[in-house]
Amino acid sequence: MTASDIQDYHAATGCPLGRAQELLSAMPPDLRERVLLAVKQKSSRKLLIDPIETDSLLAEKVREAADEATRAADLAGHQGRERSHVVWAMQKKILAERYGIAWFSPKDMNPDVIFD
C-alpha cells in the first residue's frame, strides 16, 4: 500500500487520510486490492462496488447470484433490518461455491459505511 493508494481512497470515499490508512491497512490483501481497483474505476456512485460486478465476463453471474439470494431471503422471511447482510452472505456463498468467484459485498467494499 502506497501513499498514493491512501490519497486515492481518501479522495474516493471522503474519509480522513488517517482513517483511510487505518482502513486499508486492516483489510486482507485480496480485499484491499479489489477496493483500490474500485477506487480507480469509481464513477459518480457514492459507494464503492466490487469491480467484478461490471466485468463483462462475471457481471451476469453476480447478478444471477444476487437474484437467487434475494429470492431465498424472501422465502426464508428475512425482512427489514439486516436483510441486506443476509442477501449478501448468500450471494457470496453462491458465487464462491458454484463458480469459485470471490465477491466482496458493499459492506466489505465500504467498511466505514453502516448498512441497515
C-alpha atoms as a PDB file:
ATOM      1  CA  MET A   1       0.000   0.000   0.000  1.00  0.00           C
ATOM      2  CA  THR A   2       1.411   3.346  -1.042  1.00  0.00           C
ATOM      3  CA  ALA A   3       0.797   6.935  -0.001  1.00  0.00           C
ATOM      4  CA  SER A   4      -0.895   7.373  -3.372  1.00  0.00           C
ATOM      5  CA  ASP A   5      -3.285   4.495  -2.573  1.00  0.00           C
ATOM      6  CA  ILE A   6      -4.212   6.161   0.698  1.00  0.00           C
ATOM      7  CA  GLN A   7      -4.754   9.507  -1.035  1.00  0.00           C
ATOM      8  CA  ASP A   8      -6.877   7.894  -3.753  1.00  0.00           C
ATOM      9  CA  TYR A   9      -9.011   6.062  -1.177  1.00  0.00           C
ATOM     10  CA  HIS A  10      -9.432   9.287   0.792  1.00  0.00           C
ATOM     11  CA  ALA A  11     -10.499  11.149  -2.351  1.00  0.00           C
ATOM     12  CA  ALA A  12     -12.954   8.431  -3.407  1.00  0.00           C
ATOM     13  CA  THR A  13     -14.581   7.901  -0.030  1.00  0.00           C
ATOM     14  CA  GLY A  14     -14.219  11.246   1.692  1.00  0.00           C
ATOM     15  CA  CYS A  15     -12.861   9.678   4.865  1.00  0.00           C
ATOM     16  CA  PRO A  16      -9.932  11.456   6.554  1.00  0.00           C
ATOM     17  CA  LEU A  17      -6.439  10.437   5.448  1.00  0.00           C
ATOM     18  CA  GLY A  18      -5.594   8.815   8.776  1.00  0.00           C
ATOM     19  CA  ARG A  19      -8.801   6.792   8.703  1.00  0.00           C
ATOM     20  CA  ALA A  20      -8.155   5.834   5.064  1.00  0.00           C
ATOM     21  CA  GLN A  21      -4.728   4.477   6.028  1.00  0.00           C
ATOM     22  CA  GLU A  22      -6.217   2.639   9.011  1.00  0.00           C
ATOM     23  CA  LEU A  23      -8.985   1.025   6.956  1.00  0.00           C
ATOM     24  CA  LEU A  24      -6.717   0.000   4.093  1.00  0.00           C
ATOM     25  CA  SER A  25      -4.113  -1.414   6.484  1.00  0.00           C
ATOM     26  CA  ALA A  26      -6.739  -3.525   8.247  1.00  0.00           C
ATOM     27  CA  MET A  27      -8.043  -5.101   5.031  1.00  0.00           C
ATOM     28  CA  PRO A  28      -6.875  -8.538   3.911  1.00  0.00           C
ATOM     29  CA  PRO A  29      -4.649  -8.156   0.814  1.00  0.00           C
ATOM     30  CA  ASP A  30      -7.225  -9.550  -1.631  1.00  0.00           C
ATOM     31  CA  LEU A  31      -9.915  -7.140  -0.427  1.00  0.00           C
ATOM     32  CA  ARG A  32      -7.506  -4.177  -0.379  1.00  0.00           C
ATOM     33  CA  GLU A  33      -6.509  -4.946  -3.962  1.00  0.00           C
ATOM     34  CA  ARG A  34     -10.164  -5.063  -5.046  1.00  0.00           C
ATOM     35  CA  VAL A  35     -11.015  -1.862  -3.132  1.00  0.00           C
ATOM     36  CA  LEU A  36      -8.126   0.021  -4.712  1.00  0.00           C
ATOM     37  CA  LEU A  37      -9.182  -1.191  -8.154  1.00  0.00           C
ATOM     38  CA  ALA A  38     -12.718   0.034  -7.413  1.00  0.00           C
ATOM     39  CA  VAL A  39     -11.307   3.398  -6.331  1.00  0.00           C
ATOM     40  CA  LYS A  40      -9.512   3.753  -9.657  1.00  0.00           C
ATOM     41  CA  GLN A  41     -12.683   2.766 -11.581  1.00  0.00           C
ATOM     42  CA  LYS A  42     -15.068   4.811  -9.443  1.00  0.00           C
ATOM     43  CA  SER A  43     -17.672   6.782 -11.313  1.00  0.00           C
ATOM     44  CA  SER A  44     -20.250   9.111  -9.839  1.00  0.00           C
ATOM     45  CA  ARG A  45     -21.557   6.405  -7.477  1.00  0.00           C
ATOM     46  CA  LYS A  46     -21.280   7.263  -3.812  1.00  0.00           C
ATOM     47  CA  LEU A  47     -20.289   3.750  -2.752  1.00  0.00           C
ATOM     48  CA  LEU A  48     -17.503   1.512  -3.992  1.00  0.00           C
ATOM     49  CA  ILE A  49     -18.644  -1.662  -5.685  1.00  0.00           C
ATOM     50  CA  ASP A  50     -16.632  -4.785  -6.359  1.00  0.00           C
ATOM     51  CA  PRO A  51     -15.208  -4.319  -9.871  1.00  0.00           C
ATOM     52  CA  ILE A  52     -16.288  -7.826 -10.855  1.00  0.00           C
ATOM     53  CA  GLU A  53     -19.869  -6.508 -10.824  1.00  0.00           C
ATOM     54  CA  THR A  54     -19.080  -4.596 -14.025  1.00  0.00           C
ATOM     55  CA  ASP A  55     -16.686  -7.131 -15.548  1.00  0.00           C
ATOM     56  CA  SER A  56     -18.100  -8.362 -18.855  1.00  0.00           C
ATOM     57  CA  LEU A  57     -17.267 -12.000 -18.027  1.00  0.00           C
ATOM     58  CA  LEU A  58     -18.553 -12.055 -14.439  1.00  0.00           C
ATOM     59  CA  ALA A  59     -21.312  -9.447 -14.123  1.00  0.00           C
ATOM     60  CA  GLU A  60     -24.087 -11.802 -15.230  1.00  0.00           C
ATOM     61  CA  LYS A  61     -23.137 -14.445 -12.659  1.00  0.00           C
ATOM     62  CA  VAL A  62     -23.006 -11.783  -9.929  1.00  0.00           C
ATOM     63  CA  ARG A  63     -26.499 -10.566 -10.892  1.00  0.00           C
ATOM     64  CA  GLU A  64     -27.876 -14.097 -11.056  1.00  0.00           C
ATOM     65  CA  ALA A  65     -26.461 -14.885  -7.621  1.00  0.00           C
ATOM     66  CA  ALA A  66     -27.954 -11.650  -6.258  1.00  0.00           C
ATOM     67  CA  ASP A  67     -31.371 -12.544  -7.670  1.00  0.00           C
ATOM     68  CA  GLU A  68     -31.180 -16.075  -6.287  1.00  0.00           C
ATOM     69  CA  ALA A  69     -30.057 -14.819  -2.867  1.00  0.00           C
ATOM     70  CA  THR A  70     -32.848 -12.235  -2.790  1.00  0.00           C
ATOM     71  CA  ARG A  71     -35.463 -14.884  -3.598  1.00  0.00           C
ATOM     72  CA  ALA A  72     -34.034 -17.200  -0.925  1.00  0.00           C
ATOM     73  CA  ALA A  73     -34.090 -14.414   1.675  1.00  0.00           C
ATOM     74  CA  ASP A  74     -37.703 -13.641   0.754  1.00  0.00           C
ATOM     75  CA  LEU A  75     -38.705 -17.305   1.070  1.00  0.00           C
ATOM     76  CA  ALA A  76     -36.974 -17.514   4.444  1.00  0.00           C
ATOM     77  CA  GLY A  77     -38.906 -14.472   5.637  1.00  0.00           C
ATOM     78  CA  HIS A  78     -35.950 -12.112   6.028  1.00  0.00           C
ATOM     79  CA  GLN A  79     -37.388  -8.599   6.002  1.00  0.00           C
ATOM     80  CA  GLY A  80     -36.357  -5.258   7.438  1.00  0.00           C
ATOM     81  CA  ARG A  81     -33.127  -4.593   9.267  1.00  0.00           C
ATOM     82  CA  GLU A  82     -30.149  -6.766   8.458  1.00  0.00           C
ATOM     83  CA  ARG A  83     -31.847  -8.218   5.346  1.00  0.00           C
ATOM     84  CA  SER A  84     -29.172  -6.903   3.010  1.00  0.00           C
ATOM     85  CA  HIS A  85     -26.469  -8.643   5.058  1.00  0.00           C
ATOM     86  CA  VAL A  86     -28.340 -11.951   4.751  1.00  0.00           C
ATOM     87  CA  VAL A  87     -28.680 -11.492   0.988  1.00  0.00           C
ATOM     88  CA  TRP A  88     -25.021 -10.554   0.612  1.00  0.00           C
ATOM     89  CA  ALA A  89     -23.886 -13.565   2.643  1.00  0.00           C
ATOM     90  CA  MET A  90     -25.984 -15.887   0.468  1.00  0.00           C
ATOM     91  CA  GLN A  91     -24.763 -14.206  -2.711  1.00  0.00           C
ATOM     92  CA  LYS A  92     -21.127 -14.526  -1.606  1.00  0.00           C
ATOM     93  CA  LYS A  93     -21.661 -18.223  -0.813  1.00  0.00           C
ATOM     94  CA  ILE A  94     -23.370 -18.937  -4.152  1.00  0.00           C
ATOM     95  CA  LEU A  95     -20.591 -17.269  -6.118  1.00  0.00           C
ATOM     96  CA  ALA A  96     -17.819 -18.994  -4.171  1.00  0.00           C
ATOM     97  CA  GLU A  97     -19.298 -22.473  -4.095  1.00  0.00           C
ATOM     98  CA  ARG A  98     -20.849 -22.615  -7.544  1.00  0.00           C
ATOM     99  CA  TYR A  99     -18.371 -20.610  -9.604  1.00  0.00           C
ATOM    100  CA  GLY A 100     -15.233 -20.218  -7.485  1.00  0.00           C
ATOM    101  CA  ILE A 101     -15.684 -16.451  -7.610  1.00  0.00           C
ATOM    102  CA  ALA A 102     -14.548 -14.288  -4.703  1.00  0.00           C
ATOM    103  CA  TRP A 103     -17.041 -11.416  -4.438  1.00  0.00           C
ATOM    104  CA  PHE A 104     -16.951  -8.595  -1.924  1.00  0.00           C
ATOM    105  CA  SER A 105     -20.203  -7.140  -0.639  1.00  0.00           C
ATOM    106  CA  PRO A 106     -20.951  -3.428  -0.360  1.00  0.00           C
ATOM    107  CA  LYS A 107     -20.127  -3.696   3.356  1.00  0.00           C
ATOM    108  CA  ASP A 108     -16.767  -5.292   2.538  1.00  0.00           C
ATOM    109  CA  MET A 109     -16.002  -2.615  -0.026  1.00  0.00           C
ATOM    110  CA  ASN A 110     -17.174   0.269   2.202  1.00  0.00           C
ATOM    111  CA  PRO A 111     -16.124  -0.627   5.755  1.00  0.00           C
ATOM    112  CA  ASP A 112     -16.812   2.850   7.129  1.00  0.00           C
ATOM    113  CA  VAL A 113     -20.438   2.815   5.944  1.00  0.00           C
ATOM    114  CA  ILE A 114     -23.248   1.493   8.120  1.00  0.00           C
ATOM    115  CA  PHE A 115     -25.778  -0.607   6.225  1.00  0.00           C
ATOM    116  CA  ASP A 116     -29.123  -1.218   7.941  1.00  0.00           C
END
